[in-house]
Amino acid sequence: MTNDTNDGSILEMTIDCFLDLLPGWSIDLLVSQGYPCIVAEFIDGRYIQLLGEPVGIVMLEVMSNLYGCDWVLSAENEDTLRRLGFSEPAEGPYPNWTFRSTDTPSLATLLNLTNRVIRSIFNLQLSDTVKVRFDHLRVPAGARLVDHLVRLRSYYQTNSSPRAMAEFEEFIEKLYLDIDEWREGGEM
């Protein structure tokens, strides 16, 4: 990032200011030697994030409805993201909508898409505030980014067989019953 931002620093600003500063920050992401990231969280709790990769890629992620967040995007919003060229969210390293920029022309497209997501899909106003966090993803030496992202996204579930899910539901139901019994003063 720019010299005046540190890992984990958070700035609060208007969306208008964020969009004005984003082109310069995006160039920093494109030419980065590490994995710098920018997370922009909006007043309604939705977010976008940008990740620079040392191979000259900038990835834009838009929060998705995956994992029970069905309030984030309407079906129409999802159709729009598809038409705009975003990759669909999926369990694993990329549970959000993603768009990758690999050069300066596609970076301009990424910036245009960021503006469009914020203003037309999230329906936010330029005067609304956004909290912008700057950080660096620390990928262990020899690790692949994809594998590291799976480990970071701790909610990723590798076993979703119907039997395993039914056993988990039974466990949770029993846990709730035990907690209710304990609250009533009984033995567990």
N, C-alpha and C. Protein backbone atom coordinates (compact mmCIF):
# COMPACT_ATOMS: atom_id res chain seq x y z
N MET A 1 0.84 -1.17 0.00
CA MET A 1 0.00 0.00 0.00
C MET A 1 0.89 1.24 0.00
N THR A 2 0.25 2.36 0.15
CA THR A 2 1.02 3.59 0.19
C THR A 2 1.80 3.64 1.49
N ASN A 3 2.78 4.52 1.56
CA ASN A 3 3.65 4.59 2.72
C ASN A 3 2.93 4.94 4.00
N ASP A 4 1.77 5.58 3.93
CA ASP A 4 1.08 6.01 5.15
C ASP A 4 0.08 4.98 5.66
N THR A 5 0.08 3.78 5.14
CA THR A 5 -0.79 2.74 5.65
C THR A 5 0.05 1.61 6.21
N ASN A 6 -0.39 1.06 7.33
CA ASN A 6 0.32 -0.04 7.98
C ASN A 6 -0.58 -1.26 8.02
N ASP A 7 0.02 -2.43 8.24
CA ASP A 7 -0.77 -3.64 8.37
C ASP A 7 -1.81 -3.47 9.47
N GLY A 8 -3.05 -3.78 9.13
CA GLY A 8 -4.13 -3.72 10.10
C GLY A 8 -4.70 -2.32 10.32
N SER A 9 -4.14 -1.31 9.68
CA SER A 9 -4.68 0.03 9.89
C SER A 9 -6.06 0.14 9.27
N ILE A 10 -6.91 0.94 9.93
CA ILE A 10 -8.28 1.13 9.47
C ILE A 10 -8.53 2.62 9.29
N LEU A 11 -9.09 2.96 8.15
CA LEU A 11 -9.49 4.34 7.88
C LEU A 11 -10.99 4.35 7.67
N GLU A 12 -11.64 5.37 8.19
CA GLU A 12 -13.06 5.56 7.91
C GLU A 12 -13.20 6.77 7.02
N MET A 13 -13.97 6.62 5.94
CA MET A 13 -14.11 7.69 4.96
C MET A 13 -15.44 7.54 4.23
N THR A 14 -15.75 8.49 3.38
CA THR A 14 -16.94 8.36 2.56
C THR A 14 -16.63 7.42 1.40
N ILE A 15 -17.67 6.86 0.82
CA ILE A 15 -17.49 6.00 -0.35
C ILE A 15 -16.89 6.80 -1.50
N ASP A 16 -17.28 8.06 -1.63
CA ASP A 16 -16.73 8.92 -2.67
C ASP A 16 -15.21 9.02 -2.53
N CYS A 17 -14.72 9.25 -1.32
CA CYS A 17 -13.29 9.33 -1.07
C CYS A 17 -12.62 7.99 -1.35
N PHE A 18 -13.23 6.90 -0.91
CA PHE A 18 -12.69 5.56 -1.15
C PHE A 18 -12.52 5.31 -2.65
N LEU A 19 -13.55 5.63 -3.44
CA LEU A 19 -13.47 5.40 -4.89
C LEU A 19 -12.42 6.30 -5.54
N ASP A 20 -12.21 7.49 -5.00
CA ASP A 20 -11.16 8.38 -5.53
C ASP A 20 -9.76 7.83 -5.26
N LEU A 21 -9.57 7.22 -4.08
CA LEU A 21 -8.25 6.72 -3.69
C LEU A 21 -7.95 5.31 -4.24
N LEU A 22 -8.99 4.58 -4.59
CA LEU A 22 -8.83 3.18 -4.99
C LEU A 22 -7.93 2.96 -6.21
N PRO A 23 -7.95 3.81 -7.23
CA PRO A 23 -7.03 3.56 -8.36
C PRO A 23 -5.56 3.50 -7.95
N GLY A 24 -5.11 4.42 -7.13
CA GLY A 24 -3.72 4.40 -6.67
C GLY A 24 -3.42 3.18 -5.82
N TRP A 25 -4.33 2.84 -4.92
CA TRP A 25 -4.14 1.66 -4.09
C TRP A 25 -4.10 0.40 -4.94
N SER A 26 -4.92 0.36 -6.00
CA SER A 26 -4.98 -0.83 -6.86
C SER A 26 -3.69 -1.02 -7.64
N ILE A 27 -3.08 0.07 -8.07
CA ILE A 27 -1.77 -0.03 -8.74
C ILE A 27 -0.76 -0.64 -7.77
N ASP A 28 -0.80 -0.18 -6.50
CA ASP A 28 0.09 -0.77 -5.48
C ASP A 28 -0.15 -2.27 -5.37
N LEU A 29 -1.41 -2.69 -5.39
CA LEU A 29 -1.73 -4.12 -5.31
C LEU A 29 -1.18 -4.87 -6.52
N LEU A 30 -1.29 -4.26 -7.70
CA LEU A 30 -0.87 -4.91 -8.94
C LEU A 30 0.64 -5.14 -8.98
N VAL A 31 1.42 -4.22 -8.47
CA VAL A 31 2.87 -4.32 -8.56
C VAL A 31 3.50 -4.88 -7.28
N SER A 32 2.69 -5.32 -6.36
CA SER A 32 3.16 -5.81 -5.07
C SER A 32 4.01 -7.06 -5.19
N GLN A 33 4.93 -7.23 -4.27
CA GLN A 33 5.73 -8.45 -4.18
C GLN A 33 5.13 -9.43 -3.18
N GLY A 34 4.18 -9.00 -2.39
CA GLY A 34 3.57 -9.87 -1.38
C GLY A 34 2.09 -10.07 -1.68
N TYR A 35 1.31 -10.19 -0.63
CA TYR A 35 -0.13 -10.39 -0.75
C TYR A 35 -0.86 -9.29 0.05
N PRO A 36 -0.75 -8.02 -0.37
CA PRO A 36 -1.46 -6.97 0.35
C PRO A 36 -2.96 -7.08 0.07
N CYS A 37 -3.75 -6.68 1.04
CA CYS A 37 -5.19 -6.72 0.82
C CYS A 37 -5.85 -5.47 1.40
N ILE A 38 -6.97 -5.15 0.82
CA ILE A 38 -7.81 -4.04 1.26
C ILE A 38 -9.20 -4.63 1.49
N VAL A 39 -9.75 -4.40 2.66
CA VAL A 39 -11.11 -4.84 2.97
C VAL A 39 -11.93 -3.58 3.22
N ALA A 40 -13.01 -3.43 2.48
CA ALA A 40 -13.90 -2.28 2.64
C ALA A 40 -15.23 -2.78 3.16
N GLU A 41 -15.55 -2.40 4.42
CA GLU A 41 -16.81 -2.81 5.03
C GLU A 41 -17.75 -1.61 5.07
N PHE A 42 -18.94 -1.83 4.55
CA PHE A 42 -19.91 -0.75 4.41
C PHE A 42 -20.86 -0.70 5.61
N ILE A 43 -21.66 0.36 5.68
CA ILE A 43 -22.50 0.62 6.86
C ILE A 43 -23.53 -0.48 7.11
N ASP A 44 -23.86 -1.26 6.10
CA ASP A 44 -24.85 -2.31 6.28
C ASP A 44 -24.22 -3.67 6.58
N GLY A 45 -22.89 -3.72 6.76
CA GLY A 45 -22.20 -4.96 7.09
C GLY A 45 -21.67 -5.73 5.89
N ARG A 46 -22.07 -5.36 4.68
CA ARG A 46 -21.53 -6.02 3.51
C ARG A 46 -20.12 -5.52 3.25
N TYR A 47 -19.35 -6.28 2.49
CA TYR A 47 -17.97 -5.89 2.23
C TYR A 47 -17.52 -6.32 0.85
N ILE A 48 -16.44 -5.70 0.43
CA ILE A 48 -15.67 -6.15 -0.72
C ILE A 48 -14.23 -6.23 -0.23
N GLN A 49 -13.42 -7.01 -0.91
CA GLN A 49 -12.00 -7.05 -0.59
C GLN A 49 -11.19 -7.21 -1.86
N LEU A 50 -10.01 -6.63 -1.82
CA LEU A 50 -9.09 -6.72 -2.94
C LEU A 50 -7.79 -7.32 -2.43
N LEU A 51 -7.23 -8.24 -3.20
CA LEU A 51 -6.00 -8.92 -2.83
C LEU A 51 -5.02 -8.83 -3.99
N GLY A 52 -3.83 -8.35 -3.69
CA GLY A 52 -2.75 -8.34 -4.67
C GLY A 52 -1.95 -9.62 -4.56
N GLU A 53 -1.55 -10.15 -5.69
CA GLU A 53 -0.70 -11.35 -5.70
C GLU A 53 0.62 -10.98 -6.38
N PRO A 54 1.73 -11.58 -5.94
CA PRO A 54 3.03 -11.20 -6.48
C PRO A 54 3.21 -11.50 -7.97
N VAL A 55 2.29 -12.19 -8.58
CA VAL A 55 2.39 -12.50 -10.01
C VAL A 55 1.66 -11.47 -10.88
N GLY A 56 1.34 -10.30 -10.29
CA GLY A 56 0.70 -9.25 -11.05
C GLY A 56 -0.80 -9.41 -11.21
N ILE A 57 -1.43 -10.02 -10.23
CA ILE A 57 -2.89 -10.21 -10.25
C ILE A 57 -3.50 -9.42 -9.10
N VAL A 58 -4.62 -8.79 -9.37
CA VAL A 58 -5.43 -8.19 -8.32
C VAL A 58 -6.78 -8.88 -8.37
N MET A 59 -7.22 -9.39 -7.23
CA MET A 59 -8.51 -10.08 -7.17
C MET A 59 -9.48 -9.24 -6.36
N LEU A 60 -10.66 -9.02 -6.93
CA LEU A 60 -11.75 -8.35 -6.24
C LEU A 60 -12.73 -9.42 -5.80
N GLU A 61 -13.09 -9.40 -4.52
CA GLU A 61 -14.10 -10.31 -3.99
C GLU A 61 -15.28 -9.50 -3.50
N VAL A 62 -16.48 -9.96 -3.83
CA VAL A 62 -17.72 -9.35 -3.37
C VAL A 62 -18.42 -10.38 -2.48
N MET A 63 -18.78 -9.95 -1.29
CA MET A 63 -19.45 -10.84 -0.34
C MET A 63 -20.62 -11.56 -1.01
N SER A 64 -20.79 -12.84 -0.67
CA SER A 64 -21.83 -13.64 -1.30
C SER A 64 -22.88 -14.09 -0.29
N ASN A 65 -23.88 -14.79 -0.80
CA ASN A 65 -24.95 -15.36 0.03
C ASN A 65 -24.58 -16.72 0.60
N LEU A 66 -23.41 -17.23 0.24
CA LEU A 66 -22.99 -18.54 0.72
C LEU A 66 -22.92 -18.55 2.24
N TYR A 67 -23.18 -19.67 2.84
CA TYR A 67 -23.11 -19.87 4.29
C TYR A 67 -24.18 -19.09 5.03
N GLY A 68 -25.39 -19.03 4.48
CA GLY A 68 -26.53 -18.48 5.19
C GLY A 68 -26.66 -16.98 5.17
N CYS A 69 -25.88 -16.29 4.39
CA CYS A 69 -25.99 -14.83 4.32
C CYS A 69 -26.91 -14.44 3.17
N ASP A 70 -28.13 -14.96 3.17
CA ASP A 70 -29.03 -14.75 2.04
C ASP A 70 -29.55 -13.33 1.92
N TRP A 71 -29.23 -12.46 2.85
CA TRP A 71 -29.66 -11.07 2.80
C TRP A 71 -28.70 -10.20 1.98
N VAL A 72 -27.53 -10.73 1.61
CA VAL A 72 -26.49 -9.93 0.99
C VAL A 72 -26.86 -9.50 -0.43
N LEU A 73 -27.27 -10.46 -1.25
CA LEU A 73 -27.54 -10.20 -2.66
C LEU A 73 -28.87 -10.82 -3.07
N SER A 74 -29.60 -10.10 -3.90
CA SER A 74 -30.82 -10.65 -4.47
C SER A 74 -30.45 -11.55 -5.65
N ALA A 75 -31.40 -12.33 -6.13
CA ALA A 75 -31.16 -13.18 -7.30
C ALA A 75 -30.79 -12.29 -8.50
N GLU A 76 -31.40 -11.14 -8.60
CA GLU A 76 -31.09 -10.20 -9.68
C GLU A 76 -29.64 -9.70 -9.55
N ASN A 77 -29.21 -9.39 -8.32
CA ASN A 77 -27.82 -8.97 -8.10
C ASN A 77 -26.86 -10.06 -8.54
N GLU A 78 -27.16 -11.30 -8.19
CA GLU A 78 -26.29 -12.42 -8.57
C GLU A 78 -26.24 -12.58 -10.09
N ASP A 79 -27.37 -12.43 -10.76
CA ASP A 79 -27.39 -12.50 -12.22
C ASP A 79 -26.53 -11.39 -12.83
N THR A 80 -26.60 -10.20 -12.24
CA THR A 80 -25.79 -9.09 -12.73
C THR A 80 -24.31 -9.39 -12.57
N LEU A 81 -23.91 -9.93 -11.41
CA LEU A 81 -22.50 -10.27 -11.20
C LEU A 81 -22.03 -11.30 -12.22
N ARG A 82 -22.88 -12.28 -12.53
CA ARG A 82 -22.54 -13.28 -13.55
C ARG A 82 -22.30 -12.60 -14.90
N ARG A 83 -23.24 -11.74 -15.28
CA ARG A 83 -23.13 -11.05 -16.57
C ARG A 83 -21.90 -10.15 -16.64
N LEU A 84 -21.49 -9.61 -15.49
CA LEU A 84 -20.32 -8.72 -15.46
C LEU A 84 -19.00 -9.48 -15.52
N GLY A 85 -19.05 -10.80 -15.40
CA GLY A 85 -17.84 -11.60 -15.53
C GLY A 85 -17.24 -12.09 -14.22
N PHE A 86 -17.98 -11.95 -13.13
CA PHE A 86 -17.49 -12.48 -11.85
C PHE A 86 -17.60 -13.99 -11.85
N SER A 87 -16.66 -14.64 -11.17
CA SER A 87 -16.73 -16.09 -10.96
C SER A 87 -17.65 -16.36 -9.79
N GLU A 88 -18.42 -17.44 -9.90
CA GLU A 88 -19.40 -17.80 -8.87
C GLU A 88 -18.71 -18.19 -7.56
N PRO A 89 -19.34 -17.90 -6.43
CA PRO A 89 -18.79 -18.34 -5.15
C PRO A 89 -18.93 -19.85 -5.02
N ALA A 90 -18.00 -20.44 -4.27
CA ALA A 90 -18.04 -21.88 -4.02
C ALA A 90 -17.35 -22.16 -2.70
N GLU A 91 -17.72 -23.25 -2.06
CA GLU A 91 -17.04 -23.64 -0.84
C GLU A 91 -15.56 -23.80 -1.14
N GLY A 92 -14.74 -23.47 -0.17
CA GLY A 92 -13.30 -23.59 -0.35
C GLY A 92 -12.63 -22.25 -0.29
N PRO A 93 -11.64 -22.03 -1.13
CA PRO A 93 -10.87 -20.80 -1.01
C PRO A 93 -11.60 -19.55 -1.51
N TYR A 94 -12.65 -19.71 -2.32
CA TYR A 94 -13.31 -18.55 -2.90
C TYR A 94 -14.82 -18.59 -2.67
N PRO A 95 -15.28 -18.35 -1.43
CA PRO A 95 -16.71 -18.39 -1.14
C PRO A 95 -17.44 -17.10 -1.53
N ASN A 96 -16.71 -16.15 -2.12
CA ASN A 96 -17.29 -14.89 -2.56
C ASN A 96 -17.25 -14.82 -4.08
N TRP A 97 -17.96 -13.86 -4.63
CA TRP A 97 -17.89 -13.58 -6.06
C TRP A 97 -16.51 -13.01 -6.33
N THR A 98 -15.81 -13.46 -7.36
CA THR A 98 -14.45 -12.99 -7.63
C THR A 98 -14.28 -12.53 -9.06
N PHE A 99 -13.43 -11.52 -9.20
CA PHE A 99 -13.00 -11.03 -10.52
C PHE A 99 -11.50 -10.80 -10.43
N ARG A 100 -10.75 -11.31 -11.41
CA ARG A 100 -9.29 -11.19 -11.40
C ARG A 100 -8.82 -10.24 -12.50
N SER A 101 -7.92 -9.37 -12.11
CA SER A 101 -7.26 -8.46 -13.03
C SER A 101 -5.82 -8.90 -13.19
N THR A 102 -5.35 -9.00 -14.43
CA THR A 102 -3.98 -9.46 -14.68
C THR A 102 -3.10 -8.42 -15.36
N ASP A 103 -3.68 -7.27 -15.70
CA ASP A 103 -2.91 -6.23 -16.38
C ASP A 103 -3.61 -4.89 -16.18
N THR A 104 -3.02 -3.83 -16.70
CA THR A 104 -3.57 -2.50 -16.51
C THR A 104 -4.97 -2.35 -17.11
N PRO A 105 -5.24 -2.82 -18.36
CA PRO A 105 -6.61 -2.68 -18.88
C PRO A 105 -7.66 -3.42 -18.03
N SER A 106 -7.33 -4.64 -17.58
CA SER A 106 -8.32 -5.35 -16.76
C SER A 106 -8.41 -4.76 -15.36
N LEU A 107 -7.37 -4.03 -14.92
CA LEU A 107 -7.44 -3.32 -13.64
C LEU A 107 -8.45 -2.18 -13.75
N ALA A 108 -8.47 -1.51 -14.90
CA ALA A 108 -9.47 -0.46 -15.12
C ALA A 108 -10.89 -1.06 -15.06
N THR A 109 -11.06 -2.25 -15.63
CA THR A 109 -12.35 -2.95 -15.55
C THR A 109 -12.69 -3.27 -14.11
N LEU A 110 -11.71 -3.75 -13.35
CA LEU A 110 -11.92 -4.08 -11.94
C LEU A 110 -12.38 -2.84 -11.16
N LEU A 111 -11.77 -1.71 -11.41
CA LEU A 111 -12.16 -0.47 -10.72
C LEU A 111 -13.58 -0.06 -11.09
N ASN A 112 -13.93 -0.20 -12.37
CA ASN A 112 -15.28 0.10 -12.82
C ASN A 112 -16.28 -0.84 -12.14
N LEU A 113 -15.93 -2.13 -12.05
CA LEU A 113 -16.81 -3.11 -11.41
C LEU A 113 -16.97 -2.81 -9.92
N THR A 114 -15.90 -2.38 -9.27
CA THR A 114 -15.98 -2.03 -7.85
C THR A 114 -16.99 -0.91 -7.64
N ASN A 115 -16.90 0.12 -8.46
CA ASN A 115 -17.83 1.24 -8.40
C ASN A 115 -19.27 0.75 -8.62
N ARG A 116 -19.43 -0.09 -9.62
CA ARG A 116 -20.77 -0.60 -9.96
C ARG A 116 -21.36 -1.45 -8.84
N VAL A 117 -20.53 -2.31 -8.23
CA VAL A 117 -21.01 -3.14 -7.12
C VAL A 117 -21.48 -2.26 -5.97
N ILE A 118 -20.66 -1.29 -5.60
CA ILE A 118 -20.99 -0.43 -4.46
C ILE A 118 -22.24 0.38 -4.72
N ARG A 119 -22.33 0.98 -5.90
CA ARG A 119 -23.42 1.93 -6.17
C ARG A 119 -24.68 1.28 -6.71
N SER A 120 -24.55 0.27 -7.57
CA SER A 120 -25.74 -0.30 -8.22
C SER A 120 -26.21 -1.60 -7.60
N ILE A 121 -25.29 -2.40 -7.08
CA ILE A 121 -25.69 -3.69 -6.50
C ILE A 121 -25.94 -3.55 -5.01
N PHE A 122 -25.00 -2.92 -4.28
CA PHE A 122 -25.21 -2.68 -2.85
C PHE A 122 -26.11 -1.46 -2.61
N ASN A 123 -26.33 -0.65 -3.65
CA ASN A 123 -27.19 0.54 -3.58
C ASN A 123 -26.78 1.51 -2.48
N LEU A 124 -25.47 1.75 -2.37
CA LEU A 124 -24.97 2.69 -1.37
C LEU A 124 -24.75 4.05 -2.02
N GLN A 125 -24.77 5.07 -1.20
CA GLN A 125 -24.60 6.45 -1.66
C GLN A 125 -23.14 6.87 -1.49
N LEU A 126 -22.69 7.80 -2.33
CA LEU A 126 -21.32 8.29 -2.24
C LEU A 126 -21.02 8.93 -0.88
N SER A 127 -22.05 9.45 -0.22
CA SER A 127 -21.86 10.09 1.08
C SER A 127 -21.87 9.09 2.25
N ASP A 128 -22.22 7.82 1.99
CA ASP A 128 -22.18 6.80 3.04
C ASP A 128 -20.73 6.55 3.45
N THR A 129 -20.56 6.05 4.68
CA THR A 129 -19.21 5.79 5.15
C THR A 129 -18.80 4.34 4.89
N VAL A 130 -17.51 4.15 4.84
CA VAL A 130 -16.92 2.83 4.65
C VAL A 130 -15.69 2.76 5.55
N LYS A 131 -15.50 1.60 6.18
CA LYS A 131 -14.29 1.35 6.96
C LYS A 131 -13.35 0.54 6.07
N VAL A 132 -12.17 1.08 5.85
CA VAL A 132 -11.20 0.46 4.95
C VAL A 132 -10.02 -0.04 5.79
N ARG A 133 -9.77 -1.34 5.70
CA ARG A 133 -8.65 -1.94 6.43
C ARG A 133 -7.58 -2.39 5.44
N PHE A 134 -6.34 -2.08 5.76
CA PHE A 134 -5.19 -2.46 4.95
C PHE A 134 -4.42 -3.54 5.71
N ASP A 135 -4.08 -4.59 5.02
CA ASP A 135 -3.36 -5.67 5.68
C ASP A 135 -2.52 -6.42 4.65
N HIS A 136 -1.78 -7.39 5.11
CA HIS A 136 -1.01 -8.28 4.24
C HIS A 136 -1.35 -9.71 4.62
N LEU A 137 -1.68 -10.50 3.65
CA LEU A 137 -1.89 -11.93 3.85
C LEU A 137 -0.52 -12.57 3.90
N ARG A 138 -0.28 -13.32 4.94
CA ARG A 138 1.02 -13.98 5.08
C ARG A 138 0.89 -15.45 4.69
N VAL A 139 1.34 -15.75 3.49
CA VAL A 139 1.29 -17.11 2.96
C VAL A 139 2.62 -17.78 3.31
N PRO A 140 2.57 -18.90 4.02
CA PRO A 140 3.82 -19.57 4.40
C PRO A 140 4.66 -19.95 3.17
N ALA A 141 5.97 -19.90 3.34
CA ALA A 141 6.89 -20.26 2.25
C ALA A 141 6.56 -21.66 1.75
N GLY A 142 6.47 -21.80 0.46
CA GLY A 142 6.20 -23.09 -0.16
C GLY A 142 4.72 -23.44 -0.24
N ALA A 143 3.86 -22.68 0.41
CA ALA A 143 2.42 -22.96 0.37
C ALA A 143 1.81 -22.31 -0.86
N ARG A 144 0.81 -22.97 -1.39
CA ARG A 144 0.04 -22.37 -2.49
C ARG A 144 -1.03 -21.46 -1.90
N LEU A 145 -1.30 -20.35 -2.58
CA LEU A 145 -2.30 -19.40 -2.10
C LEU A 145 -3.64 -20.08 -1.88
N VAL A 146 -4.08 -20.91 -2.83
CA VAL A 146 -5.38 -21.57 -2.74
C VAL A 146 -5.47 -22.43 -1.48
N ASP A 147 -4.43 -23.20 -1.19
CA ASP A 147 -4.43 -24.05 0.00
C ASP A 147 -4.45 -23.20 1.27
N HIS A 148 -3.70 -22.11 1.26
CA HIS A 148 -3.67 -21.23 2.43
C HIS A 148 -5.03 -20.58 2.67
N LEU A 149 -5.71 -20.19 1.60
CA LEU A 149 -7.03 -19.58 1.76
C LEU A 149 -8.03 -20.56 2.35
N VAL A 150 -7.95 -21.82 1.97
CA VAL A 150 -8.84 -22.84 2.55
C VAL A 150 -8.62 -22.92 4.05
N ARG A 151 -7.36 -22.91 4.48
CA ARG A 151 -7.07 -22.98 5.92
C ARG A 151 -7.56 -21.72 6.63
N LEU A 152 -7.44 -20.56 6.00
CA LEU A 152 -7.87 -19.30 6.63
C LEU A 152 -9.38 -19.24 6.80
N ARG A 153 -10.09 -19.74 5.83
CA ARG A 153 -11.55 -19.67 5.87
C ARG A 153 -12.05 -20.86 6.66
N SER A 154 -12.00 -20.71 7.97
CA SER A 154 -12.21 -21.83 8.90
C SER A 154 -13.61 -22.43 8.80
N TYR A 155 -14.55 -21.72 8.21
CA TYR A 155 -15.90 -22.26 8.10
C TYR A 155 -16.02 -23.24 6.95
N TYR A 156 -14.96 -23.38 6.16
CA TYR A 156 -14.99 -24.33 5.05
C TYR A 156 -15.16 -25.75 5.59
N GLN A 157 -16.10 -26.45 5.06
CA GLN A 157 -16.39 -27.80 5.53
C GLN A 157 -16.02 -28.80 4.45
N THR A 158 -15.12 -29.71 4.77
CA THR A 158 -14.66 -30.66 3.77
C THR A 158 -15.58 -31.86 3.66
N ASN A 159 -16.41 -32.12 4.66
CA ASN A 159 -17.29 -33.29 4.62
C ASN A 159 -18.73 -32.81 4.75
N SER A 160 -19.46 -32.87 3.67
CA SER A 160 -20.86 -32.44 3.72
C SER A 160 -21.78 -33.58 3.30
N SER A 161 -21.39 -34.81 3.66
CA SER A 161 -22.25 -35.94 3.34
C SER A 161 -23.53 -35.84 4.15
N PRO A 162 -24.65 -36.31 3.62
CA PRO A 162 -25.92 -36.25 4.35
C PRO A 162 -25.85 -36.93 5.71
N ARG A 163 -25.16 -38.05 5.79
CA ARG A 163 -25.06 -38.75 7.07
C ARG A 163 -24.29 -37.91 8.10
N ALA A 164 -23.15 -37.34 7.69
CA ALA A 164 -22.35 -36.51 8.60
C ALA A 164 -23.15 -35.29 9.05
N MET A 165 -23.89 -34.70 8.15
CA MET A 165 -24.71 -33.53 8.51
C MET A 165 -25.82 -33.92 9.48
N ALA A 166 -26.46 -35.07 9.28
CA ALA A 166 -27.52 -35.54 10.18
C ALA A 166 -26.94 -35.80 11.57
N GLU A 167 -25.77 -36.41 11.64
CA GLU A 167 -25.12 -36.65 12.93
C GLU A 167 -24.80 -35.34 13.63
N PHE A 168 -24.34 -34.37 12.88
CA PHE A 168 -24.03 -33.07 13.46
C PHE A 168 -25.30 -32.40 13.99
N GLU A 169 -26.38 -32.46 13.22
CA GLU A 169 -27.66 -31.88 13.68
C GLU A 169 -28.14 -32.54 14.96
N GLU A 170 -28.02 -33.87 15.04
CA GLU A 170 -28.40 -34.58 16.26
C GLU A 170 -27.56 -34.13 17.45
N PHE A 171 -26.27 -33.97 17.23
CA PHE A 171 -25.37 -33.50 18.29
C PHE A 171 -25.80 -32.12 18.79
N ILE A 172 -26.10 -31.21 17.87
CA ILE A 172 -26.50 -29.85 18.24
C ILE A 172 -27.82 -29.88 19.00
N GLU A 173 -28.79 -30.67 18.52
CA GLU A 173 -30.08 -30.77 19.21
C GLU A 173 -29.89 -31.29 20.63
N LYS A 174 -29.08 -32.31 20.81
CA LYS A 174 -28.80 -32.85 22.15
C LYS A 174 -28.12 -31.80 23.01
N LEU A 175 -27.20 -31.06 22.44
CA LEU A 175 -26.51 -30.01 23.18
C LEU A 175 -27.52 -28.97 23.67
N TYR A 176 -28.45 -28.55 22.82
CA TYR A 176 -29.48 -27.59 23.23
C TYR A 176 -30.34 -28.16 24.37
N LEU A 177 -30.73 -29.42 24.26
CA LEU A 177 -31.52 -30.05 25.32
C LEU A 177 -30.74 -30.09 26.63
N ASP A 178 -29.45 -30.44 26.57
CA ASP A 178 -28.62 -30.47 27.76
C ASP A 178 -28.50 -29.08 28.39
N ILE A 179 -28.34 -28.07 27.57
CA ILE A 179 -28.23 -26.70 28.08
C ILE A 179 -29.54 -26.28 28.74
N ASP A 180 -30.68 -26.58 28.11
CA ASP A 180 -31.98 -26.25 28.71
C ASP A 180 -32.15 -26.94 30.05
N GLU A 181 -31.77 -28.22 30.12
CA GLU A 181 -31.88 -28.97 31.36
C GLU A 181 -30.98 -28.37 32.45
N TRP A 182 -29.77 -27.99 32.08
CA TRP A 182 -28.84 -27.38 33.02
C TRP A 182 -29.40 -26.05 33.55
N ARG A 183 -30.01 -25.25 32.66
CA ARG A 183 -30.60 -23.97 33.08
C ARG A 183 -31.73 -24.17 34.08
N GLU A 184 -32.45 -25.28 33.92
CA GLU A 184 -33.56 -25.58 34.83
C GLU A 184 -33.08 -26.21 36.13
N GLY A 185 -31.76 -26.39 36.28
CA GLY A 185 -31.20 -26.91 37.52
C GLY A 185 -31.03 -28.39 37.56
N GLY A 186 -31.21 -29.06 36.46
CA GLY A 186 -31.07 -30.51 36.43
C GLY A 186 -29.65 -30.92 36.17
N GLU A 187 -29.46 -32.21 36.14
CA GLU A 187 -28.15 -32.80 35.85
C GLU A 187 -28.01 -32.98 34.34
N MET A 188 -26.78 -32.89 33.84
CA MET A 188 -26.53 -33.14 32.42
C MET A 188 -26.08 -34.56 32.21
